[in-house]
Amino acid sequence: MTHAPTPLADHHNRLINYLRISITDRCNFRCQYCMPAEGIPLLNHADILTYEEILRCARIAVALGIRKIRVTGGEPLVRRGVVPLLAELSRLPGLADLSLTTNGALLGHYAVSLRAAGLHRVNVSLDTLRPERFAAITRQPALASVLEGIRAAEAAGLNPVKLNVVTMRSVNLDEIADFAAMTLHHAFEIRFIELMPVGGHAYWDPAQLVTGEEVLRILNERYELAPLDDPAGAPVSDRLFQIRGAAGRIGLISPMTDHFCQRCNRLRLTPDGKLRTCLFHEAEVDLRRLLRAGIDDEALAGVFRTAAAQKPAGPAGVIGGVWKCTSAMSRIGG
């Protein structure tokens, strides 16, 4: 008689059941807080995990108790064959939730096929609703395409559509109430995210940080908010609210002022096959090297177990009193 494997856990008694898989470091945007206008040096094609290698890692991870997978980038929809990959992932026995993070520019084209492939929902990164401001942030005049993609995702049933809004004082502080208003008649989840010093620090200015508490004060001046207590499926990092009578909800993600390390349940797989246990910790395991050296499934499962067990309690260091991550997010995965 075979027994289910012991779920992944670390030495800090955290259950690890969430894997983020970045399938590409390429992106069709050049967001100012993510990369310079000319982009960053790209990985060689041979250094990127193949879809077969990604699926093998995912299959092992799910067998070990991973129940939620998010596919990210870069921009995942720029990689050819992403829909068949998602279809294969959706069929993994035991996987409960499959989602994708995108900038939304190609979502209008892909939404129906993504849903048909078994994708449950999408997160769309969107920091402004103003065309000129959008073009300045992303260096692409593509707001109309992104809004079209959001509507297409909603219509296709990729619900709830979650919109990730990085709040920045001199950029979009005046749009917080406008974003919240989108939940009045649509079942969107607007997620206000504190700016983090990730991917190099040339852009980082603590004065730009808008805390979750400040966002909440701004919203309370305009709307009557009700907290949502531990709703089903809510990430451990979210505080969720709903405007009275609204169709959607509002999330606050505060990694800078409300550290949630003690509740972190995730691992990350980078495009070039590095298994990373903490966004703010540079330690990683080179799964690509092991895969291409012929590691068997039992040994690969052991690597996952060891990496999860050694997941650090928190970040490795700070810059200017805050946590640091020197790797580009397009290399790690959003």
C-alpha atoms as a PDB file:
ATOM      1  CA  MET A   1       0.000   0.000   0.000  1.00  0.00           C
ATOM      2  CA  THR A   2       1.445   3.371  -1.006  1.00  0.00           C
ATOM      3  CA  HIS A   3       1.102   6.418   1.176  1.00  0.00           C
ATOM      4  CA  ALA A   4       0.857  10.081   0.202  1.00  0.00           C
ATOM      5  CA  PRO A   5       4.218  11.828   0.657  1.00  0.00           C
ATOM      6  CA  THR A   6       4.724  14.124   3.607  1.00  0.00           C
ATOM      7  CA  PRO A   7       3.865  17.695   2.492  1.00  0.00           C
ATOM      8  CA  LEU A   8       6.694  20.157   1.940  1.00  0.00           C
ATOM      9  CA  ALA A   9       7.585  22.124   5.039  1.00  0.00           C
ATOM     10  CA  ASP A  10      10.501  24.159   6.325  1.00  0.00           C
ATOM     11  CA  HIS A  11      12.388  24.302   9.611  1.00  0.00           C
ATOM     12  CA  HIS A  12      10.161  27.186  10.748  1.00  0.00           C
ATOM     13  CA  ASN A  13       6.988  25.030  10.655  1.00  0.00           C
ATOM     14  CA  ARG A  14       5.646  26.695   7.509  1.00  0.00           C
ATOM     15  CA  LEU A  15       3.731  24.480   5.077  1.00  0.00           C
ATOM     16  CA  ILE A  16       4.969  25.092   1.519  1.00  0.00           C
ATOM     17  CA  ASN A  17       2.146  24.648  -0.992  1.00  0.00           C
ATOM     18  CA  TYR A  18       2.604  27.432  -3.560  1.00  0.00           C
ATOM     19  CA  LEU A  19       5.015  27.515  -6.517  1.00  0.00           C
ATOM     20  CA  ARG A  20       5.580  30.473  -8.834  1.00  0.00           C
ATOM     21  CA  ILE A  21       7.049  29.464 -12.183  1.00  0.00           C
ATOM     22  CA  SER A  22       8.611  32.137 -14.387  1.00  0.00           C
ATOM     23  CA  ILE A  23       8.752  30.834 -17.957  1.00  0.00           C
ATOM     24  CA  THR A  24      10.610  33.725 -19.602  1.00  0.00           C
ATOM     25  CA  ASP A  25      12.708  36.777 -18.779  1.00  0.00           C
ATOM     26  CA  ARG A  26      11.411  38.586 -21.859  1.00  0.00           C
ATOM     27  CA  CYS A  27       8.826  41.341 -21.660  1.00  0.00           C
ATOM     28  CA  ASN A  28       7.123  43.652 -24.150  1.00  0.00           C
ATOM     29  CA  PHE A  29       7.070  46.499 -21.595  1.00  0.00           C
ATOM     30  CA  ARG A  30       9.945  48.439 -20.030  1.00  0.00           C
ATOM     31  CA  CYS A  31       8.397  49.581 -16.767  1.00  0.00           C
ATOM     32  CA  GLN A  32      10.544  52.216 -15.109  1.00  0.00           C
ATOM     33  CA  TYR A  33      10.676  50.541 -11.696  1.00  0.00           C
ATOM     34  CA  CYS A  34      11.544  47.174 -13.268  1.00  0.00           C
ATOM     35  CA  MET A  35      14.192  47.813 -15.920  1.00  0.00           C
ATOM     36  CA  PRO A  36      15.944  50.531 -17.947  1.00  0.00           C
ATOM     37  CA  ALA A  37      14.535  51.705 -21.298  1.00  0.00           C
ATOM     38  CA  GLU A  38      17.012  49.575 -23.234  1.00  0.00           C
ATOM     39  CA  GLY A  39      16.016  46.507 -21.237  1.00  0.00           C
ATOM     40  CA  ILE A  40      18.409  44.140 -19.500  1.00  0.00           C
ATOM     41  CA  PRO A  41      20.695  41.444 -20.919  1.00  0.00           C
ATOM     42  CA  LEU A  42      18.515  38.474 -21.841  1.00  0.00           C
ATOM     43  CA  LEU A  43      19.176  34.854 -21.072  1.00  0.00           C
ATOM     44  CA  ASN A  44      20.322  32.660 -23.928  1.00  0.00           C
ATOM     45  CA  HIS A  45      17.621  30.404 -25.323  1.00  0.00           C
ATOM     46  CA  ALA A  46      19.583  27.306 -24.285  1.00  0.00           C
ATOM     47  CA  ASP A  47      19.642  28.549 -20.690  1.00  0.00           C
ATOM     48  CA  ILE A  48      15.849  28.726 -20.416  1.00  0.00           C
ATOM     49  CA  LEU A  49      14.036  25.682 -19.087  1.00  0.00           C
ATOM     50  CA  THR A  50      12.154  23.790 -21.768  1.00  0.00           C
ATOM     51  CA  TYR A  51       8.453  23.224 -21.263  1.00  0.00           C
ATOM     52  CA  GLU A  52       9.191  19.539 -20.680  1.00  0.00           C
ATOM     53  CA  GLU A  53      11.587  20.468 -17.883  1.00  0.00           C
ATOM     54  CA  ILE A  54       9.081  22.901 -16.375  1.00  0.00           C
ATOM     55  CA  LEU A  55       6.346  20.263 -16.439  1.00  0.00           C
ATOM     56  CA  ARG A  56       8.606  17.715 -14.807  1.00  0.00           C
ATOM     57  CA  CYS A  57       9.453  20.111 -11.974  1.00  0.00           C
ATOM     58  CA  ALA A  58       5.789  21.012 -11.567  1.00  0.00           C
ATOM     59  CA  ARG A  59       4.735  17.370 -11.496  1.00  0.00           C
ATOM     60  CA  ILE A  60       7.261  16.586  -8.757  1.00  0.00           C
ATOM     61  CA  ALA A  61       6.254  19.686  -6.785  1.00  0.00           C
ATOM     62  CA  VAL A  62       2.544  18.873  -6.927  1.00  0.00           C
ATOM     63  CA  ALA A  63       3.237  15.295  -5.868  1.00  0.00           C
ATOM     64  CA  LEU A  64       4.997  16.790  -2.824  1.00  0.00           C
ATOM     65  CA  GLY A  65       2.014  18.908  -1.825  1.00  0.00           C
ATOM     66  CA  ILE A  66       2.164  22.040  -3.964  1.00  0.00           C
ATOM     67  CA  ARG A  67      -1.483  22.961  -4.523  1.00  0.00           C
ATOM     68  CA  LYS A  68      -1.183  26.348  -6.195  1.00  0.00           C
ATOM     69  CA  ILE A  69       0.912  27.293  -9.231  1.00  0.00           C
ATOM     70  CA  ARG A  70       1.233  30.772 -10.717  1.00  0.00           C
ATOM     71  CA  VAL A  71       2.887  31.183 -14.125  1.00  0.00           C
ATOM     72  CA  THR A  72       4.802  34.443 -14.478  1.00  0.00           C
ATOM     73  CA  GLY A  73       7.592  36.167 -16.426  1.00  0.00           C
ATOM     74  CA  GLY A  74       8.842  38.590 -17.709  1.00  0.00           C
ATOM     75  CA  GLU A  75       5.644  38.565 -19.658  1.00  0.00           C
ATOM     76  CA  PRO A  76       4.554  34.913 -19.949  1.00  0.00           C
ATOM     77  CA  LEU A  77       2.280  35.496 -22.935  1.00  0.00           C
ATOM     78  CA  VAL A  78       5.238  36.444 -25.144  1.00  0.00           C
ATOM     79  CA  ARG A  79       6.616  32.895 -24.964  1.00  0.00           C
ATOM     80  CA  ARG A  80       5.363  30.707 -27.795  1.00  0.00           C
ATOM     81  CA  GLY A  81       3.367  27.669 -26.692  1.00  0.00           C
ATOM     82  CA  VAL A  82       2.239  29.022 -23.345  1.00  0.00           C
ATOM     83  CA  VAL A  83      -1.373  27.840 -23.830  1.00  0.00           C
ATOM     84  CA  PRO A  84      -0.448  24.141 -24.292  1.00  0.00           C
ATOM     85  CA  LEU A  85       1.876  24.438 -21.286  1.00  0.00           C
ATOM     86  CA  LEU A  86      -0.969  25.717 -19.131  1.00  0.00           C
ATOM     87  CA  ALA A  87      -3.218  22.924 -20.397  1.00  0.00           C
ATOM     88  CA  GLU A  88      -0.635  20.357 -19.262  1.00  0.00           C
ATOM     89  CA  LEU A  89      -0.207  22.042 -15.897  1.00  0.00           C
ATOM     90  CA  SER A  90      -3.967  22.159 -15.352  1.00  0.00           C
ATOM     91  CA  ARG A  91      -4.132  18.378 -15.677  1.00  0.00           C
ATOM     92  CA  LEU A  92      -1.659  17.659 -12.873  1.00  0.00           C
ATOM     93  CA  PRO A  93      -3.474  15.507 -10.301  1.00  0.00           C
ATOM     94  CA  GLY A  94      -3.809  17.370  -7.022  1.00  0.00           C
ATOM     95  CA  LEU A  95      -3.284  20.883  -8.349  1.00  0.00           C
ATOM     96  CA  ALA A  96      -6.085  23.051  -6.953  1.00  0.00           C
ATOM     97  CA  ASP A  97      -5.311  26.477  -8.392  1.00  0.00           C
ATOM     98  CA  LEU A  98      -3.583  27.598 -11.610  1.00  0.00           C
ATOM     99  CA  SER A  99      -3.162  31.300 -12.287  1.00  0.00           C
ATOM    100  CA  LEU A 100      -1.077  33.637 -14.435  1.00  0.00           C
ATOM    101  CA  THR A 101       0.393  37.103 -13.957  1.00  0.00           C
ATOM    102  CA  THR A 102       0.498  39.283 -17.067  1.00  0.00           C
ATOM    103  CA  ASN A 103       0.810  42.910 -18.099  1.00  0.00           C
ATOM    104  CA  GLY A 104      -2.409  42.400 -20.056  1.00  0.00           C
ATOM    105  CA  ALA A 105      -1.278  43.711 -23.431  1.00  0.00           C
ATOM    106  CA  LEU A 106      -1.834  40.327 -25.134  1.00  0.00           C
ATOM    107  CA  LEU A 107      -4.627  39.146 -22.879  1.00  0.00           C
ATOM    108  CA  GLY A 108      -7.413  40.170 -25.254  1.00  0.00           C
ATOM    109  CA  HIS A 109      -6.034  37.733 -27.820  1.00  0.00           C
ATOM    110  CA  TYR A 110      -5.448  34.865 -25.402  1.00  0.00           C
ATOM    111  CA  ALA A 111      -8.211  35.076 -22.770  1.00  0.00           C
ATOM    112  CA  VAL A 112     -10.630  32.542 -24.286  1.00  0.00           C
ATOM    113  CA  SER A 113      -7.934  29.986 -25.088  1.00  0.00           C
ATOM    114  CA  LEU A 114      -6.366  30.411 -21.639  1.00  0.00           C
ATOM    115  CA  ARG A 115      -9.664  29.610 -19.961  1.00  0.00           C
ATOM    116  CA  ALA A 116     -10.213  26.644 -22.265  1.00  0.00           C
ATOM    117  CA  ALA A 117      -6.745  25.369 -21.351  1.00  0.00           C
ATOM    118  CA  GLY A 118      -7.765  25.195 -17.693  1.00  0.00           C
ATOM    119  CA  LEU A 119      -6.363  28.457 -16.335  1.00  0.00           C
ATOM    120  CA  HIS A 120      -8.442  29.577 -13.369  1.00  0.00           C
ATOM    121  CA  ARG A 121      -7.668  33.280 -13.176  1.00  0.00           C
ATOM    122  CA  VAL A 122      -5.255  36.091 -14.018  1.00  0.00           C
ATOM    123  CA  ASN A 123      -3.467  38.903 -12.247  1.00  0.00           C
ATOM    124  CA  VAL A 124      -2.906  41.969 -14.416  1.00  0.00           C
ATOM    125  CA  SER A 125      -0.195  44.485 -13.501  1.00  0.00           C
ATOM    126  CA  LEU A 126      -1.699  47.955 -13.965  1.00  0.00           C
ATOM    127  CA  ASP A 127      -0.396  51.048 -12.159  1.00  0.00           C
ATOM    128  CA  THR A 128      -2.474  53.773 -13.789  1.00  0.00           C
ATOM    129  CA  LEU A 129      -5.716  54.318 -15.694  1.00  0.00           C
ATOM    130  CA  ARG A 130      -4.420  57.399 -17.526  1.00  0.00           C
ATOM    131  CA  PRO A 131      -3.012  56.845 -21.040  1.00  0.00           C
ATOM    132  CA  GLU A 132      -0.178  59.382 -20.877  1.00  0.00           C
ATOM    133  CA  ARG A 133       0.865  58.232 -17.429  1.00  0.00           C
ATOM    134  CA  PHE A 134       0.691  54.595 -18.543  1.00  0.00           C
ATOM    135  CA  ALA A 135       2.977  55.301 -21.495  1.00  0.00           C
ATOM    136  CA  ALA A 136       5.445  57.042 -19.187  1.00  0.00           C
ATOM    137  CA  ILE A 137       5.519  54.175 -16.676  1.00  0.00           C
ATOM    138  CA  THR A 138       5.688  51.273 -19.145  1.00  0.00           C
ATOM    139  CA  ARG A 139       7.317  53.091 -22.072  1.00  0.00           C
ATOM    140  CA  GLN A 140       4.538  51.644 -24.233  1.00  0.00           C
ATOM    141  CA  PRO A 141       1.291  53.380 -25.358  1.00  0.00           C
ATOM    142  CA  ALA A 142      -0.724  50.250 -24.647  1.00  0.00           C
ATOM    143  CA  LEU A 143      -3.328  51.139 -22.011  1.00  0.00           C
ATOM    144  CA  ALA A 144      -6.244  50.522 -24.394  1.00  0.00           C
ATOM    145  CA  SER A 145      -4.960  47.016 -25.133  1.00  0.00           C
ATOM    146  CA  VAL A 146      -4.575  46.247 -21.444  1.00  0.00           C
ATOM    147  CA  LEU A 147      -8.095  47.423 -20.616  1.00  0.00           C
ATOM    148  CA  GLU A 148      -9.414  45.365 -23.520  1.00  0.00           C
ATOM    149  CA  GLY A 149      -7.548  42.357 -22.118  1.00  0.00           C
ATOM    150  CA  ILE A 150      -9.081  42.853 -18.678  1.00  0.00           C
ATOM    151  CA  ARG A 151     -12.572  42.940 -20.184  1.00  0.00           C
ATOM    152  CA  ALA A 152     -11.804  39.835 -22.242  1.00  0.00           C
ATOM    153  CA  ALA A 153     -10.540  37.953 -19.181  1.00  0.00           C
ATOM    154  CA  GLU A 154     -13.676  38.842 -17.236  1.00  0.00           C
ATOM    155  CA  ALA A 155     -15.896  37.747 -20.117  1.00  0.00           C
ATOM    156  CA  ALA A 156     -13.972  34.476 -20.518  1.00  0.00           C
ATOM    157  CA  GLY A 157     -14.542  33.581 -16.865  1.00  0.00           C
ATOM    158  CA  LEU A 158     -10.991  34.079 -15.576  1.00  0.00           C
ATOM    159  CA  ASN A 159     -12.433  35.348 -12.334  1.00  0.00           C
ATOM    160  CA  PRO A 160     -11.768  37.054 -10.132  1.00  0.00           C
ATOM    161  CA  VAL A 161      -9.577  39.223 -12.347  1.00  0.00           C
ATOM    162  CA  LYS A 162      -7.007  40.719 -10.001  1.00  0.00           C
ATOM    163  CA  LEU A 163      -5.342  44.042 -10.797  1.00  0.00           C
ATOM    164  CA  ASN A 164      -1.921  44.607  -9.209  1.00  0.00           C
ATOM    165  CA  VAL A 165      -1.337  48.306  -8.530  1.00  0.00           C
ATOM    166  CA  VAL A 166       2.096  49.320  -7.241  1.00  0.00           C
ATOM    167  CA  THR A 167       1.426  52.533  -5.339  1.00  0.00           C
ATOM    168  CA  MET A 168       4.002  55.322  -5.811  1.00  0.00           C
ATOM    169  CA  ARG A 169       3.633  58.725  -4.225  1.00  0.00           C
ATOM    170  CA  SER A 170       4.556  60.946  -7.172  1.00  0.00           C
ATOM    171  CA  VAL A 171       3.049  58.612  -9.769  1.00  0.00           C
ATOM    172  CA  ASN A 172      -0.416  57.301  -8.940  1.00  0.00           C
ATOM    173  CA  LEU A 173      -1.368  58.344  -5.393  1.00  0.00           C
ATOM    174  CA  ASP A 174      -4.203  60.400  -6.891  1.00  0.00           C
ATOM    175  CA  GLU A 175      -5.683  57.321  -8.604  1.00  0.00           C
ATOM    176  CA  ILE A 176      -6.240  55.080  -5.589  1.00  0.00           C
ATOM    177  CA  ALA A 177      -9.936  55.971  -5.318  1.00  0.00           C
ATOM    178  CA  ASP A 178     -10.364  55.565  -9.095  1.00  0.00           C
ATOM    179  CA  PHE A 179      -8.993  52.032  -8.953  1.00  0.00           C
ATOM    180  CA  ALA A 180     -11.214  51.184  -6.007  1.00  0.00           C
ATOM    181  CA  ALA A 181     -14.241  52.404  -7.960  1.00  0.00           C
ATOM    182  CA  MET A 182     -13.620  49.649 -10.501  1.00  0.00           C
ATOM    183  CA  THR A 183     -14.870  47.159  -7.907  1.00  0.00           C
ATOM    184  CA  LEU A 184     -18.285  48.787  -7.605  1.00  0.00           C
ATOM    185  CA  HIS A 185     -19.789  47.058 -10.636  1.00  0.00           C
ATOM    186  CA  HIS A 186     -17.205  44.421 -11.532  1.00  0.00           C
ATOM    187  CA  ALA A 187     -16.007  41.470  -9.476  1.00  0.00           C
ATOM    188  CA  PHE A 188     -12.398  42.626  -9.746  1.00  0.00           C
ATOM    189  CA  GLU A 189      -9.930  42.442  -6.920  1.00  0.00           C
ATOM    190  CA  ILE A 190      -7.807  45.581  -6.847  1.00  0.00           C
ATOM    191  CA  ARG A 191      -4.547  44.834  -5.021  1.00  0.00           C
ATOM    192  CA  PHE A 192      -2.580  47.857  -3.815  1.00  0.00           C
ATOM    193  CA  ILE A 193       1.057  46.787  -3.409  1.00  0.00           C
ATOM    194  CA  GLU A 194       3.786  48.675  -1.588  1.00  0.00           C
ATOM    195  CA  LEU A 195       6.781  49.586  -3.742  1.00  0.00           C
ATOM    196  CA  MET A 196       9.746  47.295  -3.061  1.00  0.00           C
ATOM    197  CA  PRO A 197      13.476  47.747  -3.728  1.00  0.00           C
ATOM    198  CA  VAL A 198      13.766  44.878  -6.192  1.00  0.00           C
ATOM    199  CA  GLY A 199      16.016  44.352  -9.192  1.00  0.00           C
ATOM    200  CA  GLY A 200      18.666  46.963  -8.523  1.00  0.00           C
ATOM    201  CA  HIS A 201      18.054  50.153  -6.633  1.00  0.00           C
ATOM    202  CA  ALA A 202      18.610  53.063  -8.988  1.00  0.00           C
ATOM    203  CA  TYR A 203      14.880  53.799  -8.945  1.00  0.00           C
ATOM    204  CA  TRP A 204      14.377  53.143  -5.230  1.00  0.00           C
ATOM    205  CA  ASP A 205      13.408  56.183  -3.223  1.00  0.00           C
ATOM    206  CA  PRO A 206      11.817  55.620   0.192  1.00  0.00           C
ATOM    207  CA  ALA A 207       9.888  58.856  -0.324  1.00  0.00           C
ATOM    208  CA  GLN A 208       7.891  57.076  -3.057  1.00  0.00           C
ATOM    209  CA  LEU A 209       6.644  54.413  -0.644  1.00  0.00           C
ATOM    210  CA  VAL A 210       2.913  54.599   0.003  1.00  0.00           C
ATOM    211  CA  THR A 211       2.088  52.287   2.880  1.00  0.00           C
ATOM    212  CA  GLY A 212      -0.928  50.050   3.032  1.00  0.00           C
ATOM    213  CA  GLU A 213      -2.210  52.050   5.981  1.00  0.00           C
ATOM    214  CA  GLU A 214      -2.078  55.258   3.959  1.00  0.00           C
ATOM    215  CA  VAL A 215      -3.988  53.606   1.123  1.00  0.00           C
ATOM    216  CA  LEU A 216      -6.589  52.483   3.638  1.00  0.00           C
ATOM    217  CA  ARG A 217      -6.945  56.021   5.011  1.00  0.00           C
ATOM    218  CA  ILE A 218      -7.453  57.415   1.510  1.00  0.00           C
ATOM    219  CA  LEU A 219     -10.107  54.821   0.726  1.00  0.00           C
ATOM    220  CA  ASN A 220     -11.929  55.366   4.012  1.00  0.00           C
ATOM    221  CA  GLU A 221     -12.261  59.055   3.170  1.00  0.00           C
ATOM    222  CA  ARG A 222     -14.234  58.168   0.039  1.00  0.00           C
ATOM    223  CA  TYR A 223     -15.929  54.842   0.721  1.00  0.00           C
ATOM    224  CA  GLU A 224     -17.438  52.769   3.490  1.00  0.00           C
ATOM    225  CA  LEU A 225     -15.162  49.747   3.710  1.00  0.00           C
ATOM    226  CA  ALA A 226     -15.832  46.435   5.391  1.00  0.00           C
ATOM    227  CA  PRO A 227     -12.968  44.043   6.194  1.00  0.00           C
ATOM    228  CA  LEU A 228     -13.222  40.539   4.841  1.00  0.00           C
ATOM    229  CA  ASP A 229     -11.987  38.038   7.403  1.00  0.00           C
ATOM    230  CA  ASP A 230      -9.862  35.244   5.936  1.00  0.00           C
ATOM    231  CA  PRO A 231     -11.929  34.630   2.778  1.00  0.00           C
ATOM    232  CA  ALA A 232     -11.386  31.327   1.015  1.00  0.00           C
ATOM    233  CA  GLY A 233      -8.359  31.361  -1.229  1.00  0.00           C
ATOM    234  CA  ALA A 234      -6.937  34.642   0.046  1.00  0.00           C
ATOM    235  CA  PRO A 235      -3.143  34.796  -0.077  1.00  0.00           C
ATOM    236  CA  VAL A 236      -1.398  34.907   3.263  1.00  0.00           C
ATOM    237  CA  SER A 237      -0.049  38.354   2.364  1.00  0.00           C
ATOM    238  CA  ASP A 238      -3.386  40.070   1.697  1.00  0.00           C
ATOM    239  CA  ARG A 239      -5.681  42.136   3.864  1.00  0.00           C
ATOM    240  CA  LEU A 240      -8.991  42.252   2.050  1.00  0.00           C
ATOM    241  CA  PHE A 241     -11.812  44.794   2.150  1.00  0.00           C
ATOM    242  CA  GLN A 242     -15.008  45.478   0.269  1.00  0.00           C
ATOM    243  CA  ILE A 243     -16.823  48.708  -0.398  1.00  0.00           C
ATOM    244  CA  ARG A 244     -20.336  48.343   0.939  1.00  0.00           C
ATOM    245  CA  GLY A 245     -22.505  46.885  -1.830  1.00  0.00           C
ATOM    246  CA  ALA A 246     -19.634  46.494  -4.305  1.00  0.00           C
ATOM    247  CA  ALA A 247     -19.257  43.526  -6.606  1.00  0.00           C
ATOM    248  CA  GLY A 248     -15.495  43.229  -6.129  1.00  0.00           C
ATOM    249  CA  ARG A 249     -12.990  43.644  -3.355  1.00  0.00           C
ATOM    250  CA  ILE A 250      -9.799  45.481  -2.432  1.00  0.00           C
ATOM    251  CA  GLY A 251      -6.559  43.954  -1.209  1.00  0.00           C
ATOM    252  CA  LEU A 252      -3.624  45.558   0.594  1.00  0.00           C
ATOM    253  CA  ILE A 253      -0.230  43.900   0.167  1.00  0.00           C
ATOM    254  CA  SER A 254       2.337  45.493   2.454  1.00  0.00           C
ATOM    255  CA  PRO A 255       5.675  43.691   2.216  1.00  0.00           C
ATOM    256  CA  MET A 256       7.600  46.740   3.443  1.00  0.00           C
ATOM    257  CA  THR A 257       5.544  47.657   6.512  1.00  0.00           C
ATOM    258  CA  ASP A 258       3.688  44.446   7.376  1.00  0.00           C
ATOM    259  CA  HIS A 259       6.231  41.674   6.814  1.00  0.00           C
ATOM    260  CA  PHE A 260       4.483  38.342   6.338  1.00  0.00           C
ATOM    261  CA  CYS A 261       7.546  36.084   6.303  1.00  0.00           C
ATOM    262  CA  GLN A 262       6.162  33.989   9.140  1.00  0.00           C
ATOM    263  CA  ARG A 263       3.224  33.061   6.891  1.00  0.00           C
ATOM    264  CA  CYS A 264       5.125  32.653   3.607  1.00  0.00           C
ATOM    265  CA  ASN A 265       4.166  29.436   1.807  1.00  0.00           C
ATOM    266  CA  ARG A 266       5.921  29.787  -1.563  1.00  0.00           C
ATOM    267  CA  LEU A 267       8.838  28.708  -3.695  1.00  0.00           C
ATOM    268  CA  ARG A 268       9.921  30.264  -7.000  1.00  0.00           C
ATOM    269  CA  LEU A 269      11.310  28.631 -10.138  1.00  0.00           C
ATOM    270  CA  THR A 270      13.190  31.078 -12.365  1.00  0.00           C
ATOM    271  CA  PRO A 271      13.274  30.917 -16.188  1.00  0.00           C
ATOM    272  CA  ASP A 272      16.785  29.462 -16.127  1.00  0.00           C
ATOM    273  CA  GLY A 273      15.842  26.772 -13.654  1.00  0.00           C
ATOM    274  CA  LYS A 274      16.895  28.161 -10.289  1.00  0.00           C
ATOM    275  CA  LEU A 275      14.735  27.099  -7.368  1.00  0.00           C
ATOM    276  CA  ARG A 276      14.499  30.079  -5.054  1.00  0.00           C
ATOM    277  CA  THR A 277      12.973  29.959  -1.598  1.00  0.00           C
ATOM    278  CA  CYS A 278      12.792  33.685  -0.802  1.00  0.00           C
ATOM    279  CA  LEU A 279      12.426  36.767  -2.983  1.00  0.00           C
ATOM    280  CA  PHE A 280      14.748  38.713  -0.667  1.00  0.00           C
ATOM    281  CA  HIS A 281      17.364  36.002  -0.302  1.00  0.00           C
ATOM    282  CA  GLU A 282      19.898  35.213  -3.027  1.00  0.00           C
ATOM    283  CA  ALA A 283      20.300  31.500  -2.193  1.00  0.00           C
ATOM    284  CA  GLU A 284      19.007  29.217  -4.951  1.00  0.00           C
ATOM    285  CA  VAL A 285      19.345  25.657  -6.265  1.00  0.00           C
ATOM    286  CA  ASP A 286      20.283  25.047  -9.908  1.00  0.00           C
ATOM    287  CA  LEU A 287      17.618  22.586 -11.030  1.00  0.00           C
ATOM    288  CA  ARG A 288      18.485  23.051 -14.705  1.00  0.00           C
ATOM    289  CA  ARG A 289      21.948  21.625 -14.151  1.00  0.00           C
ATOM    290  CA  LEU A 290      20.510  18.668 -12.255  1.00  0.00           C
ATOM    291  CA  LEU A 291      17.803  18.005 -14.839  1.00  0.00           C
ATOM    292  CA  ARG A 292      20.258  18.018 -17.702  1.00  0.00           C
ATOM    293  CA  ALA A 293      22.650  15.789 -15.772  1.00  0.00           C
ATOM    294  CA  GLY A 294      19.981  13.087 -15.634  1.00  0.00           C
ATOM    295  CA  ILE A 295      18.654  13.318 -12.075  1.00  0.00           C
ATOM    296  CA  ASP A 296      15.843  10.826 -11.402  1.00  0.00           C
ATOM    297  CA  ASP A 297      12.456  11.758  -9.970  1.00  0.00           C
ATOM    298  CA  GLU A 298      13.169  10.481  -6.464  1.00  0.00           C
ATOM    299  CA  ALA A 299      16.364  12.496  -6.207  1.00  0.00           C
ATOM    300  CA  LEU A 300      14.663  15.569  -7.700  1.00  0.00           C
ATOM    301  CA  ALA A 301      11.931  15.296  -5.083  1.00  0.00           C
ATOM    302  CA  GLY A 302      14.668  15.172  -2.465  1.00  0.00           C
ATOM    303  CA  VAL A 303      16.133  18.404  -3.810  1.00  0.00           C
ATOM    304  CA  PHE A 304      12.736  20.084  -3.474  1.00  0.00           C
ATOM    305  CA  ARG A 305      12.395  18.808   0.077  1.00  0.00           C
ATOM    306  CA  THR A 306      15.858  19.991   1.085  1.00  0.00           C
ATOM    307  CA  ALA A 307      15.367  23.424  -0.483  1.00  0.00           C
ATOM    308  CA  ALA A 308      11.980  23.865   1.194  1.00  0.00           C
ATOM    309  CA  ALA A 309      13.356  22.760   4.560  1.00  0.00           C
ATOM    310  CA  GLN A 310      16.122  25.368   4.324  1.00  0.00           C
ATOM    311  CA  LYS A 311      13.787  28.240   3.425  1.00  0.00           C
ATOM    312  CA  PRO A 312      15.068  31.185   5.482  1.00  0.00           C
ATOM    313  CA  ALA A 313      13.023  32.787   8.207  1.00  0.00           C
ATOM    314  CA  GLY A 314      13.320  36.137   6.450  1.00  0.00           C
ATOM    315  CA  PRO A 315      15.436  38.312   4.157  1.00  0.00           C
ATOM    316  CA  ALA A 316      19.203  38.162   4.002  1.00  0.00           C
ATOM    317  CA  GLY A 317      19.949  41.906   4.135  1.00  0.00           C
ATOM    318  CA  VAL A 318      18.786  45.473   3.916  1.00  0.00           C
ATOM    319  CA  ILE A 319      19.471  48.648   1.966  1.00  0.00           C
ATOM    320  CA  GLY A 320      18.752  51.911   3.717  1.00  0.00           C
ATOM    321  CA  GLY A 321      16.843  50.109   6.443  1.00  0.00           C
ATOM    322  CA  VAL A 322      14.686  48.073   4.040  1.00  0.00           C
ATOM    323  CA  TRP A 323      14.977  44.626   2.534  1.00  0.00           C
ATOM    324  CA  LYS A 324      16.871  44.168  -0.690  1.00  0.00           C
ATOM    325  CA  CYS A 325      16.665  41.992  -3.774  1.00  0.00           C
ATOM    326  CA  THR A 326      19.396  42.678  -6.321  1.00  0.00           C
ATOM    327  CA  SER A 327      18.026  40.360  -9.023  1.00  0.00           C
ATOM    328  CA  ALA A 328      15.702  41.744 -11.698  1.00  0.00           C
ATOM    329  CA  MET A 329      12.082  40.685 -11.244  1.00  0.00           C
ATOM    330  CA  SER A 330      11.942  39.633 -14.897  1.00  0.00           C
ATOM    331  CA  ARG A 331      14.631  37.081 -14.009  1.00  0.00           C
ATOM    332  CA  ILE A 332      12.946  35.859 -10.823  1.00  0.00           C
ATOM    333  CA  GLY A 333       9.292  36.038 -11.777  1.00  0.00           C
ATOM    334  CA  GLY A 334       6.609  38.417 -10.534  1.00  0.00           C
END
